[in-house]
Each structure stands twice: as structure tokens, then as C-alpha cells.
Protein backbone atom coordinates (compact mmCIF):
# COMPACT_ATOMS: atom_id res chain seq x y z
CA MET A 1 24.68 -76.07 23.31
CA LEU A 2 22.03 -75.88 26.35
CA LEU A 3 19.44 -74.14 23.99
CA ARG A 4 19.69 -77.34 21.68
CA HIS A 5 19.31 -79.79 24.71
CA ARG A 6 16.25 -77.39 25.54
CA SER A 7 14.66 -77.76 22.18
CA VAL A 8 15.17 -81.44 22.03
CA ALA A 9 13.41 -82.05 25.51
CA ILE A 10 10.75 -79.96 24.51
CA ALA A 11 10.29 -81.48 21.28
CA LEU A 12 10.44 -85.16 22.52
CA PRO A 13 7.00 -84.80 24.66
CA LEU A 14 5.26 -83.07 22.05
CA LEU A 15 6.43 -85.75 19.46
CA ILE A 16 4.89 -88.78 22.08
CA ILE A 17 1.65 -86.85 22.45
CA THR A 18 1.21 -86.38 18.89
CA SER A 19 2.07 -90.03 18.03
CA LEU A 20 -0.24 -90.97 20.69
CA ILE A 21 -3.00 -88.86 18.86
CA LEU A 22 -2.53 -90.42 15.85
CA LEU A 23 -2.79 -93.58 17.01
CA LEU A 24 -5.98 -93.23 18.67
CA LYS A 25 -7.65 -91.72 15.76
CA SER A 26 -6.93 -94.33 13.63
CA SER A 27 -8.81 -97.01 15.85
CA PRO A 28 -12.36 -97.54 15.31
CA HIS A 29 -12.70 -98.54 19.06
CA SER A 30 -11.51 -95.64 20.74
CA ARG A 31 -11.63 -91.82 20.85
CA LYS A 32 -10.46 -91.63 24.22
CA LEU A 33 -6.81 -92.08 25.97
CA PRO A 34 -6.94 -95.25 28.22
CA ALA A 35 -7.39 -94.80 31.69
CA GLN A 36 -3.88 -95.57 32.74
CA LEU A 37 -2.19 -93.78 30.12
CA ALA A 38 -4.23 -90.72 30.43
CA GLU A 39 -3.42 -90.69 34.23
CA SER A 40 0.19 -90.97 33.19
CA LEU A 41 0.58 -88.21 31.14
CA LYS A 42 -1.28 -86.17 33.72
CA LEU A 43 0.90 -86.92 36.26
CA LYS A 44 4.16 -86.07 34.02
CA THR A 45 2.48 -82.62 33.09
CA PRO A 46 4.52 -79.82 34.33
CA LEU A 47 2.98 -78.38 37.50
CA THR A 48 1.53 -74.81 37.36
CA CYS A 49 2.44 -72.85 40.76
CA PRO A 50 0.06 -70.13 41.66
CA ASN A 51 1.62 -66.87 41.13
CA LYS A 52 -1.14 -64.64 42.63
CA LEU A 53 -1.46 -65.00 46.35
CA ASP A 54 -3.19 -61.64 46.74
CA TRP A 55 -5.79 -63.10 49.03
CA LEU A 56 -3.09 -63.63 52.02
CA LEU A 57 -3.47 -59.61 52.17
CA ASP A 58 -6.93 -59.81 53.49
CA LEU A 59 -5.43 -61.56 56.48
CA ASP A 60 -3.75 -60.14 59.45
CA LEU A 61 -0.23 -61.04 58.49
CA THR A 62 3.20 -59.45 58.72
CA PHE A 63 5.23 -59.56 55.78
CA PRO A 64 7.64 -61.27 54.71
CA VAL A 65 6.94 -64.94 55.75
CA THR A 66 7.95 -68.12 54.99
CA TYR A 67 5.28 -70.10 52.81
CA ALA A 68 4.51 -73.40 51.52
CA ARG A 69 1.37 -75.05 49.81
CA ARG A 70 -0.09 -78.43 49.14
CA ASP A 71 -3.18 -79.59 47.27
CA ILE A 72 -4.92 -82.49 48.93
CA ILE A 73 -7.16 -84.93 47.22
CA VAL A 74 -9.42 -86.93 49.20
CA ASN A 75 -11.37 -90.01 48.23
CA GLN A 76 -14.31 -91.24 50.28
CA LYS A 77 -14.39 -94.99 50.56
CA PRO A 78 -17.16 -96.94 52.82
CA GLU A 79 -14.64 -99.58 53.47
CA VAL A 80 -11.93 -97.05 55.27
CA GLN A 81 -11.93 -96.55 58.95
CA ARG A 82 -10.59 -93.49 60.76
CA ALA A 83 -7.66 -94.31 62.71
CA SER A 84 -6.29 -92.25 65.77
CA LEU A 85 -3.38 -91.52 63.60
CA THR A 86 -2.68 -92.36 59.86
CA ASN A 87 1.13 -92.74 58.72
CA VAL A 88 1.51 -90.91 55.30
CA HIS A 89 4.76 -92.30 53.89
CA GLU A 90 5.71 -89.22 52.13
CA THR A 91 6.37 -85.29 53.23
CA LEU A 92 3.53 -82.99 53.49
CA PHE A 93 5.01 -79.85 52.10
CA PRO A 94 7.68 -78.84 49.62
CA PRO A 95 10.62 -76.33 51.02
CA SER A 96 9.08 -73.25 52.41
CA GLN A 97 10.37 -69.91 50.59
CA LEU A 98 10.42 -66.58 51.99
CA ILE A 99 7.56 -64.34 50.48
CA ASP A 100 6.77 -60.71 50.83
CA LEU A 101 3.52 -59.33 49.28
CA THR A 102 3.66 -55.86 50.41
CA ASN A 103 4.29 -54.62 46.96
CA ASP A 104 3.62 -56.94 44.19
CA ALA A 105 0.84 -59.78 45.30
CA ASP A 106 0.01 -60.65 41.82
CA ASN A 107 3.25 -62.12 40.60
CA VAL A 108 4.66 -64.48 42.97
CA HIS A 109 7.45 -66.84 41.73
CA LEU A 110 7.28 -69.98 44.04
CA LYS A 111 10.24 -72.17 43.66
CA HIS A 112 8.74 -75.61 44.88
CA CYS A 113 5.55 -77.19 44.11
CA GLU A 114 4.47 -80.93 44.38
CA GLU A 115 1.91 -83.04 43.00
CA PRO A 116 -1.15 -83.02 45.13
CA LEU A 117 -1.29 -85.36 48.04
CA ARG A 118 -4.29 -88.33 48.00
CA LEU A 119 -5.80 -89.26 51.10
CA ASP A 120 -8.39 -91.84 51.50
CA VAL A 121 -11.15 -90.86 53.80
CA PRO A 122 -14.21 -92.55 55.68
CA LEU A 123 -17.41 -92.25 53.62
CA PHE A 124 -20.70 -92.41 55.67
CA PRO A 125 -23.90 -94.08 53.71
CA SER A 126 -26.10 -91.05 52.93
CA HIS A 127 -28.85 -92.16 54.92
CA VAL A 128 -26.76 -92.12 58.25
CA GLY A 129 -26.59 -88.05 57.70
CA LYS A 130 -30.53 -88.07 58.19
CA ALA A 131 -31.83 -87.26 61.74
CA ALA A 132 -35.39 -86.97 61.11
CA HIS A 133 -35.83 -89.21 64.13
CA VAL A 134 -34.10 -86.90 66.41
CA MET A 135 -35.46 -83.75 68.33
CA PHE A 136 -33.30 -81.04 69.48
CA GLY A 137 -34.36 -78.63 72.10
CA ILE A 138 -32.68 -75.31 73.45
CA SER A 139 -33.89 -72.76 75.93
CA THR A 140 -31.83 -69.25 75.48
CA THR A 141 -32.86 -65.67 74.61
CA LEU A 142 -33.84 -64.38 70.74
CA ASP A 143 -30.05 -62.50 70.91
CA ARG A 144 -28.26 -65.75 71.82
CA LEU A 145 -30.24 -67.83 69.32
CA GLU A 146 -29.82 -65.30 66.35
CA ALA A 147 -25.91 -65.11 67.51
CA SER A 148 -25.78 -69.28 67.39
CA ILE A 149 -26.91 -69.37 63.50
CA PRO A 150 -23.41 -69.68 62.22
CA GLN A 151 -22.77 -72.49 63.98
CA LEU A 152 -26.25 -74.37 63.63
CA LEU A 153 -25.76 -73.73 59.84
CA ARG A 154 -22.81 -76.02 60.10
CA TRP A 155 -24.39 -79.09 61.39
CA LEU A 156 -28.27 -78.51 61.10
CA PRO A 157 -29.53 -77.81 57.37
CA ASN A 158 -30.76 -80.53 55.55
CA THR A 159 -30.44 -83.03 58.22
CA ASP A 160 -34.36 -83.23 58.70
CA GLY A 161 -33.67 -82.94 62.26
CA ARG A 162 -36.08 -80.65 64.27
CA LEU A 163 -35.26 -78.28 66.26
CA PHE A 164 -37.50 -76.54 69.09
CA VAL A 165 -36.56 -73.52 70.95
CA ILE A 166 -37.63 -71.67 73.70
CA THR A 167 -37.16 -68.23 73.43
CA ILE A 168 -37.90 -65.28 75.45
CA GLU A 169 -36.14 -61.37 75.79
CA ALA A 170 -34.20 -61.91 78.93
CA GLU A 171 -34.22 -64.31 81.92
CA GLN A 172 -35.08 -63.27 85.41
CA GLU A 173 -32.47 -61.96 87.23
CA GLU A 174 -33.47 -63.16 90.73
CA GLY A 175 -30.87 -61.19 92.39
CA LYS A 176 -31.72 -57.87 91.40
CA GLY A 177 -35.72 -58.94 91.44
CA LEU A 178 -36.21 -58.41 87.49
CA PRO A 179 -38.79 -60.58 86.31
CA ALA A 180 -38.03 -62.51 82.79
CA ILE A 181 -39.28 -60.90 79.65
CA ALA A 182 -41.13 -62.45 77.03
CA ALA A 183 -39.77 -62.31 73.30
CA ASP A 184 -41.61 -60.03 70.87
CA PRO A 185 -43.97 -62.02 68.76
CA GLY A 186 -42.80 -60.27 65.51
CA LYS A 187 -39.14 -60.69 66.26
CA LYS A 188 -39.50 -64.26 67.10
CA ALA A 189 -41.56 -64.89 63.70
CA ALA A 190 -38.86 -62.96 61.76
CA LEU A 191 -36.24 -64.77 63.22
CA GLN A 192 -37.81 -68.21 62.90
CA GLY A 193 -38.59 -67.60 58.99
CA GLN A 194 -34.64 -66.27 58.65
CA MET A 195 -33.85 -69.49 60.01
CA ARG A 196 -36.16 -71.60 58.38
CA LYS A 197 -35.05 -70.13 54.59
CA LEU A 198 -31.43 -71.14 55.44
CA GLY A 199 -32.51 -74.75 55.62
CA MET A 200 -33.31 -75.11 59.21
CA ASP A 201 -36.22 -77.08 60.67
CA VAL A 202 -36.76 -74.44 63.72
CA THR A 203 -39.78 -74.13 65.94
CA LEU A 204 -39.67 -70.89 68.11
CA VAL A 205 -41.97 -71.80 71.28
CA GLU A 206 -43.19 -70.06 74.20
CA PRO A 207 -42.01 -71.48 77.58
CA LEU A 208 -44.61 -73.32 79.80
CA GLU A 209 -44.35 -70.44 82.17
CA LEU A 210 -42.41 -67.43 81.33
CA GLN A 211 -41.50 -66.76 85.16
CA ASP A 212 -39.86 -70.08 85.54
CA SER A 213 -36.06 -70.20 86.25
CA PHE A 214 -33.80 -70.96 83.51
CA SER A 215 -33.42 -74.70 85.04
CA GLU A 216 -37.16 -75.55 84.76
CA LYS A 217 -37.13 -73.91 81.10
CA TYR A 218 -34.39 -76.24 80.07
CA PHE A 219 -36.28 -79.08 81.73
CA SER A 220 -39.49 -78.15 80.15
CA LEU A 221 -38.14 -79.26 76.82
CA VAL A 222 -38.35 -82.76 77.50
CA LYS A 223 -42.47 -82.40 77.56
CA ILE A 224 -42.62 -79.70 75.15
CA MET A 225 -40.80 -81.57 72.76
CA TYR A 226 -42.55 -84.78 73.52
CA ASP A 227 -45.90 -82.99 72.70
CA HIS A 228 -44.87 -82.05 69.25
CA ARG A 229 -43.36 -85.63 68.28
CA ASN A 230 -44.27 -86.98 65.02
CA ASP A 231 -44.67 -90.56 64.05
CA LYS A 232 -40.69 -90.47 62.98
CA THR A 233 -39.81 -89.26 66.37
CA LYS A 234 -37.28 -91.94 68.25
CA TRP A 235 -35.12 -89.43 70.18
CA ILE A 236 -35.52 -86.25 72.40
CA SER A 237 -32.27 -84.14 73.00
CA THR A 238 -31.76 -81.26 74.95
CA ILE A 239 -28.69 -79.20 74.35
CA ASP A 240 -27.15 -75.62 75.09
CA ASP A 241 -27.11 -72.88 72.65
CA ASP A 242 -23.40 -73.32 72.15
CA THR A 243 -23.49 -76.99 71.61
CA PHE A 244 -21.87 -77.58 68.30
CA PHE A 245 -22.40 -81.50 66.46
CA PRO A 246 -19.19 -81.70 64.19
CA THR A 247 -20.73 -84.87 62.37
CA ILE A 248 -24.29 -85.45 62.31
CA PRO A 249 -23.62 -88.72 60.69
CA GLY A 250 -21.20 -89.83 63.29
CA LEU A 251 -23.96 -88.78 65.78
CA VAL A 252 -26.79 -90.83 64.19
CA SER A 253 -24.16 -93.72 63.81
CA MET A 254 -23.74 -93.83 67.67
CA LEU A 255 -27.43 -93.67 68.79
CA SER A 256 -28.21 -96.02 66.11
CA LYS A 257 -26.60 -98.96 68.53
CA TYR A 258 -29.49 -98.34 71.09
CA ASP A 259 -33.11 -99.94 70.71
CA THR A 260 -35.39 -96.99 70.89
CA LYS A 261 -38.37 -99.16 71.75
CA GLN A 262 -36.57 -99.56 75.04
CA CYS A 263 -35.83 -96.68 78.09
CA HIS A 264 -32.49 -95.14 77.26
CA TYR A 265 -30.65 -91.81 79.09
CA VAL A 266 -27.64 -91.26 76.59
CA GLY A 267 -24.94 -88.33 77.37
CA GLY A 268 -21.35 -87.55 78.31
CA VAL A 269 -20.30 -86.75 81.80
CA SER A 270 -18.24 -83.62 82.65
CA GLU A 271 -14.21 -83.98 81.76
CA GLU A 272 -13.76 -82.62 85.34
CA TRP A 273 -13.93 -85.67 87.80
CA TRP A 274 -14.73 -83.24 90.87
CA ALA A 275 -17.61 -82.15 88.57
CA VAL A 276 -19.14 -85.77 88.45
CA VAL A 277 -18.30 -86.31 92.42
CA HIS A 278 -20.06 -83.00 92.95
CA TYR A 279 -23.27 -83.28 90.48
CA GLY A 280 -23.64 -86.88 89.70
CA ILE A 281 -23.30 -89.18 87.20
CA MET A 282 -25.33 -87.90 84.85
CA GLY A 283 -25.35 -86.52 81.20
CA PHE A 284 -24.07 -82.63 81.42
CA GLY A 285 -26.41 -80.64 79.20
CA GLY A 286 -23.62 -79.14 77.12
CA ALA A 287 -22.61 -82.15 75.64
CA GLY A 288 -26.13 -83.20 74.59
CA VAL A 289 -28.64 -85.41 76.66
CA PHE A 290 -30.71 -87.77 74.73
CA LEU A 291 -33.63 -89.79 75.87
CA SER A 292 -35.49 -92.34 74.07
CA LEU A 293 -39.09 -91.64 73.20
CA PRO A 294 -40.10 -94.42 75.83
CA LEU A 295 -38.09 -92.74 78.83
CA ALA A 296 -39.21 -88.93 77.52
CA GLY A 297 -42.82 -90.18 77.76
CA ILE A 298 -42.30 -91.07 81.22
CA ILE A 299 -40.85 -87.65 82.13
CA ALA A 300 -43.68 -85.91 80.33
CA GLY A 301 -45.96 -87.85 81.83
CA GLU A 302 -44.86 -86.73 85.62
CA TYR A 303 -43.44 -83.51 84.10
CA GLU A 304 -45.60 -81.63 87.16
CA TYR A 305 -44.21 -83.89 89.73
CA CYS A 306 -40.77 -83.57 89.16
CA LYS A 307 -40.91 -79.93 88.43
CA GLY A 308 -42.05 -79.86 91.90
CA ALA A 309 -39.72 -82.73 93.44
CA THR A 310 -36.34 -80.91 93.17
CA THR A 311 -34.64 -77.18 93.66
CA ALA A 312 -32.06 -78.19 91.27
CA THR A 313 -30.12 -74.85 89.61
CA ALA A 314 -29.40 -76.85 86.83
CA GLY A 315 -31.69 -78.45 83.89
CA ASP A 316 -29.75 -81.20 83.35
CA ILE A 317 -29.64 -81.96 87.12
CA ARG A 318 -33.43 -81.91 87.06
CA ILE A 319 -33.41 -84.52 84.29
CA MET A 320 -31.14 -86.64 85.95
CA GLU A 321 -33.07 -86.46 89.28
CA CYS A 322 -36.43 -87.31 87.51
CA VAL A 323 -34.99 -90.38 85.49
CA TYR A 324 -33.48 -91.68 88.76
CA GLU A 325 -36.47 -91.13 90.87
CA LEU A 326 -38.92 -92.33 88.05
CA THR A 327 -37.08 -95.48 86.64
CA ASP A 328 -34.58 -97.89 87.13
CA ILE A 329 -32.67 -96.43 84.17
CA LYS A 330 -28.73 -95.09 84.35
CA LEU A 331 -27.01 -93.02 82.34
CA GLU A 332 -25.05 -94.59 79.35
CA ASN A 333 -21.76 -92.67 78.89
CA GLU A 334 -20.73 -91.84 75.57
CA ARG A 335 -17.13 -90.22 75.80
CA GLU A 336 -17.19 -88.93 72.50
CA LEU A 337 -20.06 -86.35 73.86
CA HIS A 338 -18.02 -83.08 75.50
CA GLN A 339 -19.33 -81.19 77.67
CA ILE A 340 -15.63 -79.16 77.84
CA ASP A 341 -15.29 -78.50 81.43
CA MET A 342 -11.57 -77.59 81.08
CA HIS A 343 -10.15 -74.16 81.20
CA GLY A 344 -7.06 -72.88 78.66
CA ASP A 345 -5.66 -74.50 75.82
CA LEU A 346 -7.58 -77.23 74.32
CA SER A 347 -5.15 -78.20 71.61
CA GLY A 348 -4.38 -81.37 73.40
CA LEU A 349 -8.28 -82.58 72.64
CA PHE A 350 -8.39 -81.16 69.02
CA GLU A 351 -4.98 -82.65 68.39
CA SER A 352 -5.65 -86.13 69.66
CA GLY A 353 -7.22 -87.73 66.46
CA ARG A 354 -10.15 -88.65 68.78
CA THR A 355 -13.66 -88.45 67.20
CA LEU A 356 -15.52 -85.47 68.98
CA LEU A 357 -19.44 -86.27 68.46
CA SER A 358 -20.39 -82.74 70.28
CA VAL A 359 -18.15 -79.97 71.55
CA HIS A 360 -19.43 -77.45 74.07
CA HIS A 361 -17.93 -74.39 75.65
CA TRP A 362 -15.92 -73.37 72.57
CA LYS A 363 -17.42 -69.82 72.22
CA PRO A 364 -15.08 -66.69 73.93
CA GLY A 365 -15.94 -65.91 77.51
CA ALA A 366 -16.77 -69.49 78.24
CA ALA A 367 -14.44 -72.09 79.77
CA THR A 368 -12.07 -71.65 76.88
CA VAL A 369 -11.98 -67.91 77.64
CA ASP A 370 -10.41 -67.00 74.14
CA GLY A 371 -12.82 -69.21 72.43
CA TYR A 372 -12.13 -71.38 69.06
CA ASP A 373 -14.06 -70.24 65.79
CA LEU A 374 -15.37 -74.18 65.32
CA PRO A 375 -17.62 -73.15 62.27
CA MET A 376 -14.68 -71.91 60.38
CA MET A 377 -12.60 -74.65 61.86
CA HIS A 378 -15.47 -77.24 60.59
CA GLN A 379 -15.30 -75.79 57.09
CA VAL A 380 -13.32 -78.94 55.55
CA TYR A 381 -16.08 -81.28 56.55
CA ASP A 382 -17.61 -79.97 53.24
CA VAL A 383 -15.18 -81.83 51.54
CA CYS A 384 -14.27 -84.75 53.44
CA GLN A 385 -17.00 -84.93 56.44
CA ASP A 386 -15.24 -87.20 59.18
CA CYS A 387 -11.81 -86.32 58.40
CA PHE A 388 -12.60 -83.22 60.13
CA LEU A 389 -9.71 -83.18 63.38
CA GLN A 390 -8.20 -86.40 61.75
CA ARG A 391 -4.64 -86.99 62.21
CA TRP A 392 -2.33 -87.70 59.73
CA LYS A 393 1.77 -88.25 60.56
CA PHE A 394 4.16 -87.54 57.46
CA ASN A 395 8.09 -88.26 56.78
CA ASP A 396 8.70 -85.04 57.57
CA ASP A 397 7.75 -85.55 61.51
CA LEU A 398 4.83 -83.25 60.88
CA VAL A 399 1.20 -84.17 62.26
CA LEU A 400 -1.75 -82.56 60.73
CA ALA A 401 -4.63 -82.32 62.94
CA ASN A 402 -7.14 -81.52 60.24
CA GLY A 403 -8.77 -78.27 61.03
CA TYR A 404 -6.83 -77.42 63.90
CA SER A 405 -3.05 -77.49 63.48
CA ILE A 406 0.11 -78.58 61.57
CA SER A 407 2.83 -79.58 64.45
CA HIS A 408 6.39 -80.92 64.11
CA TYR A 409 7.21 -83.21 67.16
CA ALA A 410 10.21 -84.25 68.86
CA LYS A 411 11.06 -88.03 67.78
CA ASP A 412 10.33 -89.40 71.19
CA VAL A 413 6.89 -87.77 71.39
CA LEU A 414 6.00 -89.43 67.86
CA ALA A 415 6.29 -92.92 69.24
CA GLU A 416 3.19 -94.71 68.90
CA GLU A 417 2.68 -95.14 73.00
CA MET A 418 2.98 -91.27 73.17
CA MET A 419 0.66 -90.30 70.71
CA VAL A 420 -2.22 -92.50 71.58
CA ARG A 421 -2.05 -90.27 74.82
CA MET A 422 -3.90 -86.82 74.90
CA GLU A 423 -1.73 -83.95 75.43
CA GLN A 424 -2.50 -82.35 78.68
CA THR A 425 -2.30 -78.72 77.30
CA TRP A 426 -5.62 -77.22 79.50
CA ALA A 427 -5.33 -75.82 82.97
CA ASP A 428 -5.20 -77.28 85.96
CA ILE A 429 -8.42 -79.02 87.21
CA LYS A 430 -9.90 -79.61 90.42
CA THR A 431 -9.08 -82.90 91.88
CA VAL A 432 -10.95 -84.97 94.14
CA GLU A 433 -9.59 -85.72 97.80
CA ALA A 434 -8.33 -89.02 98.54
CA SER A 435 -8.92 -90.01 94.77
CA ASN A 436 -6.36 -91.15 92.38
CA ASN A 437 -8.40 -89.97 89.42
CA ARG A 438 -5.91 -86.65 88.19
CA GLY A 439 -8.80 -84.37 87.31
CA ALA A 440 -9.80 -86.09 83.51
CA ASP A 441 -8.73 -89.76 83.53
CA HIS A 442 -12.16 -91.00 83.81
CA SER A 443 -13.24 -88.75 80.50
CA LEU A 444 -10.10 -87.75 78.54
CA GLY A 445 -7.26 -90.42 79.79
CA PRO A 446 -4.75 -91.71 78.92
CA THR A 447 -2.99 -88.35 78.99
CA ARG A 448 0.45 -87.30 78.84
CA PRO A 449 2.23 -84.01 80.23
CA LYS A 450 2.04 -80.96 77.79
CA LEU A 451 5.13 -80.17 75.39
CA ASN A 452 7.25 -77.35 75.41
CA LEU A 453 6.54 -75.14 72.18
CA THR A 454 10.20 -74.57 71.24
CA GLU A 455 11.83 -77.77 71.74
CA GLU A 456 9.22 -80.80 71.68
CA LYS A 457 6.49 -79.15 69.64
CA PHE A 458 6.60 -76.77 66.81
CA GLN A 459 2.78 -75.66 66.08
CA TYR A 460 1.39 -74.08 63.08
CA VAL A 461 -2.41 -73.12 64.66
CA LEU A 462 -5.31 -72.60 61.33
CA ILE A 463 -6.12 -68.87 61.09
CA HIS A 464 -8.37 -69.21 58.23
CA SER A 465 -10.61 -71.54 56.00
CA ALA A 466 -12.87 -70.74 53.14
CA ALA A 467 -14.59 -72.50 50.56
CA VAL A 468 -12.90 -71.71 47.28
CA ASP A 469 -12.69 -73.29 43.69
CA GLY A 470 -14.88 -76.52 44.84
CA GLY A 471 -12.53 -77.26 47.65
CA VAL A 472 -11.70 -75.64 50.96
CA ARG A 473 -8.71 -73.74 51.43
CA GLN A 474 -6.84 -73.82 54.80
CA LEU A 475 -4.10 -71.30 56.21
CA TYR A 476 -2.01 -72.55 59.36
CA LEU A 477 0.16 -69.92 61.02
CA HIS A 478 3.24 -70.23 63.25
CA GLU A 479 4.27 -66.83 65.04
CA ARG A 480 8.02 -66.39 65.51
CA GLY A 481 9.76 -64.02 67.76
CA ILE A 482 10.72 -60.50 66.93
CA GLY A 483 13.09 -60.56 64.21
CA ASP A 484 12.26 -63.61 62.81
CA PRO A 485 9.48 -64.04 59.80
CA ASP A 486 6.01 -65.69 60.71
CA GLY A 487 5.37 -69.44 59.09
CA VAL A 488 2.46 -70.02 56.55
CA LEU A 489 1.52 -73.20 55.31
CA GLU A 490 -1.48 -73.60 52.97
CA LEU A 491 -3.66 -76.77 52.19
CA LEU A 492 -6.33 -76.57 49.35
CA TRP A 493 -8.52 -79.78 50.00
CA ARG A 494 -10.49 -81.39 47.02
CA GLN A 495 -12.72 -84.17 46.62
CA GLY A 496 -11.42 -86.69 44.12
CA SER A 497 -13.04 -88.72 41.43
CA GLY A 498 -14.31 -91.23 43.41
CA GLU A 499 -17.40 -91.45 45.78
CA LYS A 500 -18.59 -87.89 46.59
CA THR A 501 -19.55 -86.17 50.00
CA GLN A 502 -22.83 -85.86 50.35
CA PRO A 503 -23.95 -81.80 50.96
CA LEU A 504 -23.38 -80.58 54.15
CA GLY A 505 -26.09 -82.14 56.79
CA THR A 506 -27.16 -84.62 54.48
């Protein structure tokens, strides 16, 4: 009896499809299925779950693990605006199941599969990704520059933006009486050639004065870049070798609101109010300092005067002091440029849903101590650009912060008035006596207290991301206690049939 029902279930779809084919063949006007009918048939096609998960063995996982996966197809649309939190009225994953690949990774039977999830994301016009009018400048050592290539590859290639780098072998160590050491010309030429072959318009230059302090070299970038400007140059930007720009289109869009025929001093203040009070209202260098060409020209013309007029130990302070002494121009603060002067866990920042135009202090040993693998996190940009770190909330109370985490929140936390606030996950920061600013209200507020990770928030953190099969695969991990299997969630991002993203950096 069961066999008979099964035969009917198989035969009926075959009969329908055969009839459709005969019908279409008899029509002189069409040799293709109508679009709606083709889509309908596609959706009714039985799902094929992957039965090979051997790539999981290359990761540092302890089996067995609970596992679930979902494909996401993104359609980029110019009319779509990025929101802080987008509600999706369906679940993100099918039920998880326990898998153990220690004996057989080539024949895994997944019990639960779902149709791909379709998400609409913003699309920047292709010209917005071009930065030929921006010159970026860094002062660093050859070794640090070479180590920075992976992160520079994520945002600089194919943008037409030009990068000038003052490179030396080693900075002077005043306390030890050791002078700065010039870079070996052969090594410098080889590194410049390597970076250019990777699609980066990079020029390695000598310092104006080898024995200048680091702050003086940083300040001299303004003159060096101004002297190398071309007829396209509108902005001169000083950055650190660990400054990361997640979205060049977003950065260019932000700068476009300024009239570059006028003097503009654009940057981001420190997230730490104490640092702002102590150092001044200035563009902090790690977040990126942007000078319109007329203002850069004033500084370059008075370079020797400004260099001798201050003993500031930081290059960004030297720029501020020169601007404020020579002009009536003041900082135009852009909150999406981030110095990152907080220490510890930055989950609150990455899970906030806010657009980050620059990120600093993300490498191990910096303010964040353990560091974050931003180039790996940023991989999903190749599929959907501005959806990096975008947030979606699903019916199962899961919130995806794309490229960082997938978290299950307690119901009261998911209230709109709570989710608009940034979770204060970082360590306590300096406060200013007699100030109502709790430390970061001016930059990261409004905030909310850190959540308990066992009762209020259940967090899967990104541990792997890679380009595969024309898309980007992400793996998120929740490490449970001893005796309980870890949880693994996989997302595979692909572009839809609509408008395509521009290649990285274009």
C-alpha cells in the first residue's frame, strides 16, 4: 500500500512536467518556461542537502557538534536603505542536529534543509566606489607595511585611490639613544612592486628628515601628499597602518557632502571622553584625518613653521594645532569614523548595526588585546558590500550581525528601544571628573549595560569565512561547557539574479 502511494507521488510530478514540455514544444512563440512558472517549479524541486562536510575538519572544532545551515541569496537594490535593525518574518535556520565527522566526513545525512533565504540589501552606484580624488598617507616601517597587506587588500585595490607610505627600517628609540634606520632601497622597491601587482596604487617614499620623530614624519605626510597631488585630488588623508575602511563607497559618499573648494577638516574624535578632554577636539589619526585640498595647501605652505611651533608627541595633534593656529576652521566630526580607544570585548560595537566607515586598534596587542580578524570578517563584502555588520532579526529571536555574530536574545532585550542602544561590552574607560559623560556617551551613546551570556544572550561568533562556489561561506561557533557539544551555524551567501555588486574596491 505504501509502495503504491509512493509510485503515485513520483509519477504525478513527472506527468505534469512532461505535459508542460509537450505544451511548450507545440507553441510557435516560446521555447522557454514562463518566468513565474519556472520559479514555481524551482521552489517545488526537492532540496538537496550537502552530504560532504569535510571542510569542517580543517577547523579547530571538537566533535560532535550541533549543526545547522542556510543559504542566503542577496539582491542589491539602489532603493534599499540600510537600517539599524531589519525584521525578517521567518526563521533563520532549520532545527540543528548532532553530527560527528571523526569517522566519516564524506557521507553526512542532514535531516533538515530549507529553501534559501532572500534578502534585499543596498546597492551603491559604481562610481561611488572610486576614490581617485583621495590620497591616503601612512608612516610606518617596512615590516609593518608588509604585515598590513592583507587588510589593505580588503579596501584599497581597484578604487583608484592613491596610497603614499613613508617607510623606514626602524624608528629611533630616544630612550636608548638609537637613531632611525633608513629602509633598504632594494627591499623597498620589491615591496612596492609586490603591492602594485596586487592592484594597489602605492608609492613608498623617503621621510623628509630621517631622524624626525614619528609624530613629525606623520605630520609631514600632508606636505608630501600635497606635493604629489594631481588634477583629480580633492582630499588628503592621514591614517595609521592598522586603519581599516570597511566600505570605500560609504566613505566616498560621506565625503561627497563637503564642498572641496572650501577648507574642511574632517575626522572622528576618540570614543573616550577623557581623551577628547585631554588631547583636544581633533581628528584622531587611527580613525582617519581628511583635509580638503585648500586646507592641505595652507598646511604644506606653512610646514616648517608648524613643525617648529609645537612639541606634540602625536602627528594628529600636530595637524590639529596647525589647522587651529593658521585658520578659523574647526573639526567636522563624523561619528562613523572610529579611533577605537576602548579596551576588551568590542561585541557591542560590531553588533550595533551601525555603519562603521573606519576601524582602528583591531589587531592583536592593540586596545582590543586579542584582536579581531577584520579581513576575514569582511569577506562577505564581496557578495553584498554594505551588508557587512548589518543586522537582521528573525522570528526565532535570533539576530544576525553579519560578519561578526549570531545571537539569541531574551525577549525584553529585543524591544526596539533596547536594540537601538549599543551594548557596553568593553571594559570600563576613563571618565572626566565632574562630567556627566559616562565615558563614551558623546560617541557611542545611547548605550545599554552588558548582557549576561547565559541568561540574556546566547552568542555564536564568526570563526571562519571564505570564498567558495561563487559565494562566501561563514561559520559561527558557540562554545558550550564541558560535556555539552559546541554549536555550529553555517551561512552561505550568494548574489541573486538582480543587480550585481561591483568587484571588491570598485
